[in-house]
Amino acid sequence: MMEDSHCNTAAVQATNDDASASKLSCVKKGYMKDDYIHLFVRRPVSRSPIINRGALLRWDYACGQKDEGKAPYLYVEVDFKEVTSKKAALIETCSPLRNKVDVTAVLSR
């Protein structure tokens, strides 16, 4: 039973990578702009137009399209520790990402 729970957790965590890959596909097809999503995707994929449009609508509805420099003052990501730890480590070690984060920001793992 514990093994099933671990498999389910891993499957849920993998949806993060799938969503990031879908967003990158949207960016590459010109549906949206994101200068940094490619840094979060290990295996780029090309999605069909209907999937790209769905990903765009989901992203736009959930987050809204923010102009550069008008991002929210506070951003909190709630996810599995394994997911957020990888993102925090990437932000800390990748200067283009780190330079976008205020020096007083706390990246928690």
PDB file of N, CA and C in Angstrom:
ATOM      1  N   MET A   1       0.821  -1.193   0.000  1.00  0.00           N
ATOM      2  CA  MET A   1       0.000   0.000   0.000  1.00  0.00           C
ATOM      3  C   MET A   1       0.868   1.260   0.000  1.00  0.00           C
ATOM      4  N   MET A   2       1.950   1.246   0.755  1.00  0.00           N
ATOM      5  CA  MET A   2       2.846   2.397   0.808  1.00  0.00           C
ATOM      6  C   MET A   2       3.478   2.644  -0.556  1.00  0.00           C
ATOM      7  N   GLU A   3       3.753   1.567  -1.294  1.00  0.00           N
ATOM      8  CA  GLU A   3       4.339   1.703  -2.624  1.00  0.00           C
ATOM      9  C   GLU A   3       3.369   2.409  -3.569  1.00  0.00           C
ATOM     10  N   ASP A   4       2.075   2.090  -3.481  1.00  0.00           N
ATOM     11  CA  ASP A   4       1.066   2.767  -4.297  1.00  0.00           C
ATOM     12  C   ASP A   4       1.020   4.252  -3.981  1.00  0.00           C
ATOM     13  N   SER A   5       1.104   4.588  -2.712  1.00  0.00           N
ATOM     14  CA  SER A   5       1.090   5.989  -2.297  1.00  0.00           C
ATOM     15  C   SER A   5       2.287   6.736  -2.862  1.00  0.00           C
ATOM     16  N   HIS A   6       3.462   6.086  -2.846  1.00  0.00           N
ATOM     17  CA  HIS A   6       4.677   6.704  -3.395  1.00  0.00           C
ATOM     18  C   HIS A   6       4.531   6.918  -4.900  1.00  0.00           C
ATOM     19  N   CYS A   7       3.963   5.935  -5.605  1.00  0.00           N
ATOM     20  CA  CYS A   7       3.752   6.064  -7.052  1.00  0.00           C
ATOM     21  C   CYS A   7       2.775   7.189  -7.361  1.00  0.00           C
ATOM     22  N   ASN A   8       1.710   7.294  -6.565  1.00  0.00           N
ATOM     23  CA  ASN A   8       0.733   8.361  -6.769  1.00  0.00           C
ATOM     24  C   ASN A   8       1.360   9.725  -6.525  1.00  0.00           C
ATOM     25  N   THR A   9       2.176   9.833  -5.485  1.00  0.00           N
ATOM     26  CA  THR A   9       2.853  11.092  -5.179  1.00  0.00           C
ATOM     27  C   THR A   9       3.786  11.478  -6.318  1.00  0.00           C
ATOM     28  N   ALA A  10       4.549  10.525  -6.813  1.00  0.00           N
ATOM     29  CA  ALA A  10       5.474  10.797  -7.920  1.00  0.00           C
ATOM     30  C   ALA A  10       4.706  11.221  -9.171  1.00  0.00           C
ATOM     31  N   ALA A  11       3.561  10.598  -9.421  1.00  0.00           N
ATOM     32  CA  ALA A  11       2.754  10.958 -10.589  1.00  0.00           C
ATOM     33  C   ALA A  11       2.224  12.385 -10.466  1.00  0.00           C
ATOM     34  N   VAL A  12       1.783  12.754  -9.285  1.00  0.00           N
ATOM     35  CA  VAL A  12       1.296  14.121  -9.063  1.00  0.00           C
ATOM     36  C   VAL A  12       2.439  15.115  -9.231  1.00  0.00           C
ATOM     37  N   GLN A  13       3.607  14.792  -8.688  1.00  0.00           N
ATOM     38  CA  GLN A  13       4.766  15.680  -8.816  1.00  0.00           C
ATOM     39  C   GLN A  13       5.172  15.843 -10.278  1.00  0.00           C
ATOM     40  N   ALA A  14       5.021  14.800 -11.065  1.00  0.00           N
ATOM     41  CA  ALA A  14       5.402  14.850 -12.480  1.00  0.00           C
ATOM     42  C   ALA A  14       4.511  15.799 -13.278  1.00  0.00           C
ATOM     43  N   THR A  15       3.320  16.105 -12.771  1.00  0.00           N
ATOM     44  CA  THR A  15       2.462  17.052 -13.484  1.00  0.00           C
ATOM     45  C   THR A  15       3.102  18.437 -13.538  1.00  0.00           C
ATOM     46  N   ASN A  16       3.975  18.763 -12.587  1.00  0.00           N
ATOM     47  CA  ASN A  16       4.696  20.034 -12.619  1.00  0.00           C
ATOM     48  C   ASN A  16       5.580  20.108 -13.859  1.00  0.00           C
ATOM     49  N   ASP A  17       6.321  19.035 -14.116  1.00  0.00           N
ATOM     50  CA  ASP A  17       7.200  19.008 -15.291  1.00  0.00           C
ATOM     51  C   ASP A  17       6.390  19.058 -16.582  1.00  0.00           C
ATOM     52  N   ASP A  18       5.261  18.364 -16.593  1.00  0.00           N
ATOM     53  CA  ASP A  18       4.399  18.366 -17.773  1.00  0.00           C
ATOM     54  C   ASP A  18       3.848  19.768 -18.038  1.00  0.00           C
ATOM     55  N   ALA A  19       3.422  20.455 -16.992  1.00  0.00           N
ATOM     56  CA  ALA A  19       2.899  21.818 -17.149  1.00  0.00           C
ATOM     57  C   ALA A  19       3.989  22.773 -17.628  1.00  0.00           C
ATOM     58  N   SER A  20       5.196  22.619 -17.101  1.00  0.00           N
ATOM     59  CA  SER A  20       6.310  23.473 -17.537  1.00  0.00           C
ATOM     60  C   SER A  20       6.642  23.218 -19.003  1.00  0.00           C
ATOM     61  N   ALA A  21       6.636  21.944 -19.403  1.00  0.00           N
ATOM     62  CA  ALA A  21       6.907  21.605 -20.804  1.00  0.00           C
ATOM     63  C   ALA A  21       5.820  22.171 -21.714  1.00  0.00           C
ATOM     64  N   SER A  22       4.571  22.135 -21.263  1.00  0.00           N
ATOM     65  CA  SER A  22       3.480  22.705 -22.053  1.00  0.00           C
ATOM     66  C   SER A  22       3.636  24.214 -22.180  1.00  0.00           C
ATOM     67  N   LYS A  23       4.039  24.860 -21.108  1.00  0.00           N
ATOM     68  CA  LYS A  23       4.241  26.309 -21.170  1.00  0.00           C
ATOM     69  C   LYS A  23       5.376  26.647 -22.136  1.00  0.00           C
ATOM     70  N   LEU A  24       6.464  25.880 -22.099  1.00  0.00           N
ATOM     71  CA  LEU A  24       7.568  26.110 -23.028  1.00  0.00           C
ATOM     72  C   LEU A  24       7.105  25.919 -24.469  1.00  0.00           C
ATOM     73  N   SER A  25       6.278  24.922 -24.715  1.00  0.00           N
ATOM     74  CA  SER A  25       5.736  24.707 -26.055  1.00  0.00           C
ATOM     75  C   SER A  25       4.947  25.933 -26.508  1.00  0.00           C
ATOM     76  N   CYS A  26       4.148  26.498 -25.609  1.00  0.00           N
ATOM     77  CA  CYS A  26       3.391  27.723 -25.924  1.00  0.00           C
ATOM     78  C   CYS A  26       4.321  28.873 -26.267  1.00  0.00           C
ATOM     79  N   VAL A  27       5.378  29.012 -25.502  1.00  0.00           N
ATOM     80  CA  VAL A  27       6.339  30.095 -25.734  1.00  0.00           C
ATOM     81  C   VAL A  27       6.994  29.929 -27.102  1.00  0.00           C
ATOM     82  N   LYS A  28       7.427  28.702 -27.403  1.00  0.00           N
ATOM     83  CA  LYS A  28       8.100  28.454 -28.683  1.00  0.00           C
ATOM     84  C   LYS A  28       7.181  28.685 -29.879  1.00  0.00           C
ATOM     85  N   LYS A  29       5.881  28.496 -29.692  1.00  0.00           N
ATOM     86  CA  LYS A  29       4.915  28.707 -30.778  1.00  0.00           C
ATOM     87  C   LYS A  29       4.402  30.146 -30.818  1.00  0.00           C
ATOM     88  N   GLY A  30       4.856  30.976 -29.886  1.00  0.00           N
ATOM     89  CA  GLY A  30       4.477  32.384 -29.899  1.00  0.00           C
ATOM     90  C   GLY A  30       3.170  32.724 -29.206  1.00  0.00           C
ATOM     91  N   TYR A  31       2.605  31.787 -28.447  1.00  0.00           N
ATOM     92  CA  TYR A  31       1.357  32.053 -27.744  1.00  0.00           C
ATOM     93  C   TYR A  31       1.558  32.986 -26.548  1.00  0.00           C
ATOM     94  N   MET A  32       2.715  32.948 -25.948  1.00  0.00           N
ATOM     95  CA  MET A  32       3.010  33.775 -24.778  1.00  0.00           C
ATOM     96  C   MET A  32       4.505  34.039 -24.719  1.00  0.00           C
ATOM     97  N   LYS A  33       4.894  34.947 -23.847  1.00  0.00           N
ATOM     98  CA  LYS A  33       6.303  35.284 -23.676  1.00  0.00           C
ATOM     99  C   LYS A  33       6.740  34.881 -22.271  1.00  0.00           C
ATOM    100  N   ASP A  34       7.823  34.182 -22.191  1.00  0.00           N
ATOM    101  CA  ASP A  34       8.449  33.836 -20.914  1.00  0.00           C
ATOM    102  C   ASP A  34       9.915  33.576 -21.215  1.00  0.00           C
ATOM    103  N   ASP A  35      10.761  34.477 -20.769  1.00  0.00           N
ATOM    104  CA  ASP A  35      12.192  34.382 -21.071  1.00  0.00           C
ATOM    105  C   ASP A  35      12.930  33.351 -20.230  1.00  0.00           C
ATOM    106  N   TYR A  36      12.263  32.739 -19.267  1.00  0.00           N
ATOM    107  CA  TYR A  36      12.960  31.875 -18.320  1.00  0.00           C
ATOM    108  C   TYR A  36      12.434  30.442 -18.248  1.00  0.00           C
ATOM    109  N   ILE A  37      11.288  30.157 -18.838  1.00  0.00           N
ATOM    110  CA  ILE A  37      10.698  28.826 -18.705  1.00  0.00           C
ATOM    111  C   ILE A  37      11.624  27.734 -19.226  1.00  0.00           C
ATOM    112  N   HIS A  38      12.414  28.034 -20.249  1.00  0.00           N
ATOM    113  CA  HIS A  38      13.318  27.009 -20.797  1.00  0.00           C
ATOM    114  C   HIS A  38      14.326  26.531 -19.749  1.00  0.00           C
ATOM    115  N   LEU A  39      14.598  27.343 -18.754  1.00  0.00           N
ATOM    116  CA  LEU A  39      15.541  26.951 -17.703  1.00  0.00           C
ATOM    117  C   LEU A  39      14.958  25.881 -16.781  1.00  0.00           C
ATOM    118  N   PHE A  40      13.644  25.759 -16.753  1.00  0.00           N
ATOM    119  CA  PHE A  40      12.975  24.812 -15.866  1.00  0.00           C
ATOM    120  C   PHE A  40      12.577  23.507 -16.559  1.00  0.00           C
ATOM    121  N   VAL A  41      12.846  23.399 -17.862  1.00  0.00           N
ATOM    122  CA  VAL A  41      12.397  22.232 -18.630  1.00  0.00           C
ATOM    123  C   VAL A  41      13.599  21.424 -19.097  1.00  0.00           C
ATOM    124  N   ARG A  42      13.639  20.167 -18.702  1.00  0.00           N
ATOM    125  CA  ARG A  42      14.741  19.281 -19.112  1.00  0.00           C
ATOM    126  C   ARG A  42      14.524  18.703 -20.498  1.00  0.00           C
ATOM    127  N   ARG A  43      13.282  18.319 -20.786  1.00  0.00           N
ATOM    128  CA  ARG A  43      12.975  17.672 -22.061  1.00  0.00           C
ATOM    129  C   ARG A  43      11.882  18.451 -22.791  1.00  0.00           C
ATOM    130  N   PRO A  44      12.272  19.384 -23.646  1.00  0.00           N
ATOM    131  CA  PRO A  44      11.258  20.149 -24.387  1.00  0.00           C
ATOM    132  C   PRO A  44      10.438  19.240 -25.301  1.00  0.00           C
ATOM    133  N   VAL A  45       9.170  19.549 -25.418  1.00  0.00           N
ATOM    134  CA  VAL A  45       8.272  18.823 -26.312  1.00  0.00           C
ATOM    135  C   VAL A  45       7.449  19.843 -27.083  1.00  0.00           C
ATOM    136  N   SER A  46       6.955  19.428 -28.228  1.00  0.00           N
ATOM    137  CA  SER A  46       6.071  20.277 -29.015  1.00  0.00           C
ATOM    138  C   SER A  46       4.654  19.750 -28.841  1.00  0.00           C
ATOM    139  N   ARG A  47       3.777  20.594 -28.353  1.00  0.00           N
ATOM    140  CA  ARG A  47       2.388  20.202 -28.127  1.00  0.00           C
ATOM    141  C   ARG A  47       1.530  20.611 -29.325  1.00  0.00           C
ATOM    142  N   SER A  48       0.387  19.978 -29.443  1.00  0.00           N
ATOM    143  CA  SER A  48      -0.555  20.317 -30.514  1.00  0.00           C
ATOM    144  C   SER A  48      -1.165  21.693 -30.229  1.00  0.00           C
ATOM    145  N   PRO A  49      -1.693  22.347 -31.261  1.00  0.00           N
ATOM    146  CA  PRO A  49      -2.290  23.670 -31.054  1.00  0.00           C
ATOM    147  C   PRO A  49      -3.376  23.695 -29.976  1.00  0.00           C
ATOM    148  N   ILE A  50      -4.213  22.677 -29.906  1.00  0.00           N
ATOM    149  CA  ILE A  50      -5.284  22.678 -28.904  1.00  0.00           C
ATOM    150  C   ILE A  50      -4.713  22.587 -27.489  1.00  0.00           C
ATOM    151  N   ILE A  51      -3.653  21.817 -27.309  1.00  0.00           N
ATOM    152  CA  ILE A  51      -3.005  21.724 -25.997  1.00  0.00           C
ATOM    153  C   ILE A  51      -2.327  23.047 -25.667  1.00  0.00           C
ATOM    154  N   ASN A  52      -1.673  23.659 -26.656  1.00  0.00           N
ATOM    155  CA  ASN A  52      -1.043  24.965 -26.427  1.00  0.00           C
ATOM    156  C   ASN A  52      -2.078  26.008 -26.007  1.00  0.00           C
ATOM    157  N   ARG A  53      -3.210  26.035 -26.683  1.00  0.00           N
ATOM    158  CA  ARG A  53      -4.254  27.013 -26.330  1.00  0.00           C
ATOM    159  C   ARG A  53      -4.802  26.748 -24.935  1.00  0.00           C
ATOM    160  N   GLY A  54      -4.982  25.481 -24.608  1.00  0.00           N
ATOM    161  CA  GLY A  54      -5.459  25.132 -23.267  1.00  0.00           C
ATOM    162  C   GLY A  54      -4.467  25.545 -22.194  1.00  0.00           C
ATOM    163  N   ALA A  55      -3.197  25.309 -22.451  1.00  0.00           N
ATOM    164  CA  ALA A  55      -2.160  25.705 -21.490  1.00  0.00           C
ATOM    165  C   ALA A  55      -2.122  27.218 -21.342  1.00  0.00           C
ATOM    166  N   LEU A  56      -2.261  27.928 -22.450  1.00  0.00           N
ATOM    167  CA  LEU A  56      -2.279  29.393 -22.406  1.00  0.00           C
ATOM    168  C   LEU A  56      -3.463  29.895 -21.587  1.00  0.00           C
ATOM    169  N   LEU A  57      -4.641  29.361 -21.836  1.00  0.00           N
ATOM    170  CA  LEU A  57      -5.824  29.789 -21.090  1.00  0.00           C
ATOM    171  C   LEU A  57      -5.685  29.488 -19.606  1.00  0.00           C
ATOM    172  N   ARG A  58      -5.170  28.321 -19.289  1.00  0.00           N
ATOM    173  CA  ARG A  58      -4.975  27.944 -17.888  1.00  0.00           C
ATOM    174  C   ARG A  58      -4.000  28.896 -17.221  1.00  0.00           C
ATOM    175  N   TRP A  59      -2.904  29.194 -17.902  1.00  0.00           N
ATOM    176  CA  TRP A  59      -1.889  30.086 -17.339  1.00  0.00           C
ATOM    177  C   TRP A  59      -2.443  31.495 -17.192  1.00  0.00           C
ATOM    178  N   ASP A  60      -3.115  31.989 -18.221  1.00  0.00           N
ATOM    179  CA  ASP A  60      -3.650  33.349 -18.197  1.00  0.00           C
ATOM    180  C   ASP A  60      -4.726  33.489 -17.127  1.00  0.00           C
ATOM    181  N   TYR A  61      -5.570  32.490 -17.002  1.00  0.00           N
ATOM    182  CA  TYR A  61      -6.643  32.536 -16.013  1.00  0.00           C
ATOM    183  C   TYR A  61      -6.086  32.453 -14.597  1.00  0.00           C
ATOM    184  N   ALA A  62      -5.136  31.565 -14.379  1.00  0.00           N
ATOM    185  CA  ALA A  62      -4.597  31.349 -13.033  1.00  0.00           C
ATOM    186  C   ALA A  62      -3.694  32.484 -12.581  1.00  0.00           C
ATOM    187  N   CYS A  63      -2.891  33.005 -13.474  1.00  0.00           N
ATOM    188  CA  CYS A  63      -1.863  33.964 -13.074  1.00  0.00           C
ATOM    189  C   CYS A  63      -2.056  35.348 -13.666  1.00  0.00           C
ATOM    190  N   GLY A  64      -2.771  35.434 -14.730  1.00  0.00           N
ATOM    191  CA  GLY A  64      -2.864  36.715 -15.422  1.00  0.00           C
ATOM    192  C   GLY A  64      -1.554  36.993 -16.127  1.00  0.00           C
ATOM    193  N   GLN A  65      -1.594  37.785 -17.134  1.00  0.00           N
ATOM    194  CA  GLN A  65      -0.357  38.120 -17.828  1.00  0.00           C
ATOM    195  C   GLN A  65       0.202  39.378 -17.198  1.00  0.00           C
ATOM    196  N   LYS A  66       1.351  39.238 -16.603  1.00  0.00           N
ATOM    197  CA  LYS A  66       1.994  40.354 -15.913  1.00  0.00           C
ATOM    198  C   LYS A  66       3.026  40.999 -16.820  1.00  0.00           C
ATOM    199  N   ASP A  67       2.991  42.308 -16.898  1.00  0.00           N
ATOM    200  CA  ASP A  67       4.033  43.029 -17.619  1.00  0.00           C
ATOM    201  C   ASP A  67       5.316  42.978 -16.809  1.00  0.00           C
ATOM    202  N   GLU A  68       6.430  43.043 -17.507  1.00  0.00           N
ATOM    203  CA  GLU A  68       7.738  43.071 -16.845  1.00  0.00           C
ATOM    204  C   GLU A  68       7.756  44.219 -15.840  1.00  0.00           C
ATOM    205  N   GLY A  69       8.204  43.926 -14.643  1.00  0.00           N
ATOM    206  CA  GLY A  69       8.303  44.944 -13.608  1.00  0.00           C
ATOM    207  C   GLY A  69       7.019  45.155 -12.824  1.00  0.00           C
ATOM    208  N   LYS A  70       5.968  44.418 -13.161  1.00  0.00           N
ATOM    209  CA  LYS A  70       4.704  44.577 -12.451  1.00  0.00           C
ATOM    210  C   LYS A  70       4.274  43.270 -11.795  1.00  0.00           C
ATOM    211  N   ALA A  71       5.233  42.473 -11.445  1.00  0.00           N
ATOM    212  CA  ALA A  71       4.943  41.200 -10.796  1.00  0.00           C
ATOM    213  C   ALA A  71       4.465  41.459  -9.370  1.00  0.00           C
ATOM    214  N   PRO A  72       3.776  40.513  -8.786  1.00  0.00           N
ATOM    215  CA  PRO A  72       3.315  40.704  -7.411  1.00  0.00           C
ATOM    216  C   PRO A  72       4.489  40.887  -6.454  1.00  0.00           C
ATOM    217  N   TYR A  73       4.253  41.623  -5.392  1.00  0.00           N
ATOM    218  CA  TYR A  73       5.288  41.856  -4.386  1.00  0.00           C
ATOM    219  C   TYR A  73       5.654  40.549  -3.688  1.00  0.00           C
ATOM    220  N   LEU A  74       4.676  39.722  -3.453  1.00  0.00           N
ATOM    221  CA  LEU A  74       4.896  38.466  -2.741  1.00  0.00           C
ATOM    222  C   LEU A  74       4.412  37.311  -3.602  1.00  0.00           C
ATOM    223  N   TYR A  75       5.265  36.319  -3.754  1.00  0.00           N
ATOM    224  CA  TYR A  75       4.897  35.114  -4.493  1.00  0.00           C
ATOM    225  C   TYR A  75       5.161  33.929  -3.583  1.00  0.00           C
ATOM    226  N   VAL A  76       4.172  33.105  -3.406  1.00  0.00           N
ATOM    227  CA  VAL A  76       4.306  31.905  -2.588  1.00  0.00           C
ATOM    228  C   VAL A  76       3.895  30.722  -3.448  1.00  0.00           C
ATOM    229  N   GLU A  77       4.753  29.740  -3.521  1.00  0.00           N
ATOM    230  CA  GLU A  77       4.423  28.523  -4.258  1.00  0.00           C
ATOM    231  C   GLU A  77       4.228  27.405  -3.251  1.00  0.00           C
ATOM    232  N   VAL A  78       3.082  26.777  -3.324  1.00  0.00           N
ATOM    233  CA  VAL A  78       2.764  25.672  -2.428  1.00  0.00           C
ATOM    234  C   VAL A  78       2.757  24.402  -3.269  1.00  0.00           C
ATOM    235  N   ASP A  79       3.660  23.500  -2.943  1.00  0.00           N
ATOM    236  CA  ASP A  79       3.774  22.261  -3.699  1.00  0.00           C
ATOM    237  C   ASP A  79       4.542  21.270  -2.837  1.00  0.00           C
ATOM    238  N   PHE A  80       4.793  20.105  -3.373  1.00  0.00           N
ATOM    239  CA  PHE A  80       5.618  19.128  -2.676  1.00  0.00           C
ATOM    240  C   PHE A  80       7.014  19.702  -2.475  1.00  0.00           C
ATOM    241  N   LYS A  81       7.624  19.347  -1.368  1.00  0.00           N
ATOM    242  CA  LYS A  81       8.971  19.835  -1.068  1.00  0.00           C
ATOM    243  C   LYS A  81       9.946  19.465  -2.185  1.00  0.00           C
ATOM    244  N   GLU A  82       9.803  18.277  -2.751  1.00  0.00           N
ATOM    245  CA  GLU A  82      10.696  17.839  -3.822  1.00  0.00           C
ATOM    246  C   GLU A  82      10.605  18.759  -5.043  1.00  0.00           C
ATOM    247  N   VAL A  83       9.429  19.270  -5.308  1.00  0.00           N
ATOM    248  CA  VAL A  83       9.217  20.158  -6.460  1.00  0.00           C
ATOM    249  C   VAL A  83       9.773  21.549  -6.172  1.00  0.00           C
ATOM    250  N   THR A  84       9.391  22.119  -5.035  1.00  0.00           N
ATOM    251  CA  THR A  84       9.830  23.486  -4.727  1.00  0.00           C
ATOM    252  C   THR A  84      11.322  23.557  -4.443  1.00  0.00           C
ATOM    253  N   SER A  85      11.895  22.502  -3.893  1.00  0.00           N
ATOM    254  CA  SER A  85      13.342  22.495  -3.622  1.00  0.00           C
ATOM    255  C   SER A  85      14.145  22.584  -4.908  1.00  0.00           C
ATOM    256  N   LYS A  86      13.708  21.858  -5.931  1.00  0.00           N
ATOM    257  CA  LYS A  86      14.403  21.913  -7.225  1.00  0.00           C
ATOM    258  C   LYS A  86      14.316  23.312  -7.828  1.00  0.00           C
ATOM    259  N   LYS A  87      13.139  23.909  -7.746  1.00  0.00           N
ATOM    260  CA  LYS A  87      12.970  25.259  -8.292  1.00  0.00           C
ATOM    261  C   LYS A  87      13.810  26.274  -7.517  1.00  0.00           C
ATOM    262  N   ALA A  88      13.795  26.180  -6.195  1.00  0.00           N
ATOM    263  CA  ALA A  88      14.571  27.115  -5.372  1.00  0.00           C
ATOM    264  C   ALA A  88      16.059  26.972  -5.662  1.00  0.00           C
ATOM    265  N   ALA A  89      16.534  25.736  -5.802  1.00  0.00           N
ATOM    266  CA  ALA A  89      17.955  25.509  -6.096  1.00  0.00           C
ATOM    267  C   ALA A  89      18.326  26.107  -7.448  1.00  0.00           C
ATOM    268  N   LEU A  90      17.463  25.953  -8.434  1.00  0.00           N
ATOM    269  CA  LEU A  90      17.732  26.519  -9.755  1.00  0.00           C
ATOM    270  C   LEU A  90      17.778  28.046  -9.691  1.00  0.00           C
ATOM    271  N   ILE A  91      16.839  28.634  -8.990  1.00  0.00           N
ATOM    272  CA  ILE A  91      16.807  30.095  -8.861  1.00  0.00           C
ATOM    273  C   ILE A  91      18.064  30.604  -8.159  1.00  0.00           C
ATOM    274  N   GLU A  92      18.499  29.901  -7.135  1.00  0.00           N
ATOM    275  CA  GLU A  92      19.691  30.320  -6.385  1.00  0.00           C
ATOM    276  C   GLU A  92      20.967  30.208  -7.203  1.00  0.00           C
ATOM    277  N   THR A  93      21.042  29.243  -8.110  1.00  0.00           N
ATOM    278  CA  THR A  93      22.295  28.978  -8.822  1.00  0.00           C
ATOM    279  C   THR A  93      22.343  29.528 -10.246  1.00  0.00           C
ATOM    280  N   CYS A  94      21.233  29.982 -10.753  1.00  0.00           N
ATOM    281  CA  CYS A  94      21.172  30.491 -12.131  1.00  0.00           C
ATOM    282  C   CYS A  94      21.055  32.015 -12.077  1.00  0.00           C
ATOM    283  N   SER A  95      22.119  32.704 -12.468  1.00  0.00           N
ATOM    284  CA  SER A  95      22.140  34.159 -12.299  1.00  0.00           C
ATOM    285  C   SER A  95      21.005  34.897 -13.014  1.00  0.00           C
ATOM    286  N   PRO A  96      20.575  34.496 -14.223  1.00  0.00           N
ATOM    287  CA  PRO A  96      19.443  35.222 -14.814  1.00  0.00           C
ATOM    288  C   PRO A  96      18.178  35.156 -13.947  1.00  0.00           C
ATOM    289  N   LEU A  97      17.989  34.034 -13.253  1.00  0.00           N
ATOM    290  CA  LEU A  97      16.837  33.912 -12.364  1.00  0.00           C
ATOM    291  C   LEU A  97      17.084  34.642 -11.050  1.00  0.00           C
ATOM    292  N   ARG A  98      18.251  34.430 -10.488  1.00  0.00           N
ATOM    293  CA  ARG A  98      18.571  35.051  -9.198  1.00  0.00           C
ATOM    294  C   ARG A  98      18.513  36.576  -9.297  1.00  0.00           C
ATOM    295  N   ASN A  99      18.924  37.122 -10.424  1.00  0.00           N
ATOM    296  CA  ASN A  99      18.901  38.572 -10.604  1.00  0.00           C
ATOM    297  C   ASN A  99      17.484  39.137 -10.648  1.00  0.00           C
ATOM    298  N   LYS A 100      16.496  38.303 -10.896  1.00  0.00           N
ATOM    299  CA  LYS A 100      15.099  38.741 -10.917  1.00  0.00           C
ATOM    300  C   LYS A 100      14.463  38.737  -9.530  1.00  0.00           C
ATOM    301  N   VAL A 101      15.145  38.113  -8.581  1.00  0.00           N
ATOM    302  CA  VAL A 101      14.610  37.998  -7.227  1.00  0.00           C
ATOM    303  C   VAL A 101      15.241  39.078  -6.359  1.00  0.00           C
ATOM    304  N   ASP A 102      14.419  39.779  -5.608  1.00  0.00           N
ATOM    305  CA  ASP A 102      14.908  40.822  -4.716  1.00  0.00           C
ATOM    306  C   ASP A 102      15.918  40.239  -3.729  1.00  0.00           C
ATOM    307  N   VAL A 103      16.917  41.018  -3.378  1.00  0.00           N
ATOM    308  CA  VAL A 103      17.969  40.536  -2.474  1.00  0.00           C
ATOM    309  C   VAL A 103      17.419  40.143  -1.112  1.00  0.00           C
ATOM    310  N   THR A 104      16.261  40.660  -0.736  1.00  0.00           N
ATOM    311  CA  THR A 104      15.678  40.311   0.562  1.00  0.00           C
ATOM    312  C   THR A 104      14.780  39.083   0.485  1.00  0.00           C
ATOM    313  N   ALA A 105      14.640  38.508  -0.705  1.00  0.00           N
ATOM    314  CA  ALA A 105      13.764  37.348  -0.877  1.00  0.00           C
ATOM    315  C   ALA A 105      14.305  36.144  -0.126  1.00  0.00           C
ATOM    316  N   VAL A 106      13.396  35.333   0.328  1.00  0.00           N
ATOM    317  CA  VAL A 106      13.752  34.094   1.010  1.00  0.00           C
ATOM    318  C   VAL A 106      13.297  32.940   0.132  1.00  0.00           C
ATOM    319  N   LEU A 107      14.257  32.136  -0.278  1.00  0.00           N
ATOM    320  CA  LEU A 107      13.943  30.929  -1.038  1.00  0.00           C
ATOM    321  C   LEU A 107      14.020  29.770  -0.070  1.00  0.00           C
ATOM    322  N   SER A 108      12.893  29.247   0.266  1.00  0.00           N
ATOM    323  CA  SER A 108      12.816  28.201   1.270  1.00  0.00           C
ATOM    324  C   SER A 108      12.747  26.841   0.602  1.00  0.00           C
ATOM    325  N   ARG A 109      13.461  25.905   1.171  1.00  0.00           N
ATOM    326  CA  ARG A 109      13.433  24.535   0.648  1.00  0.00           C
ATOM    327  C   ARG A 109      12.738  23.679   1.655  1.00  0.00           C
TER     328      ARG A 109
END
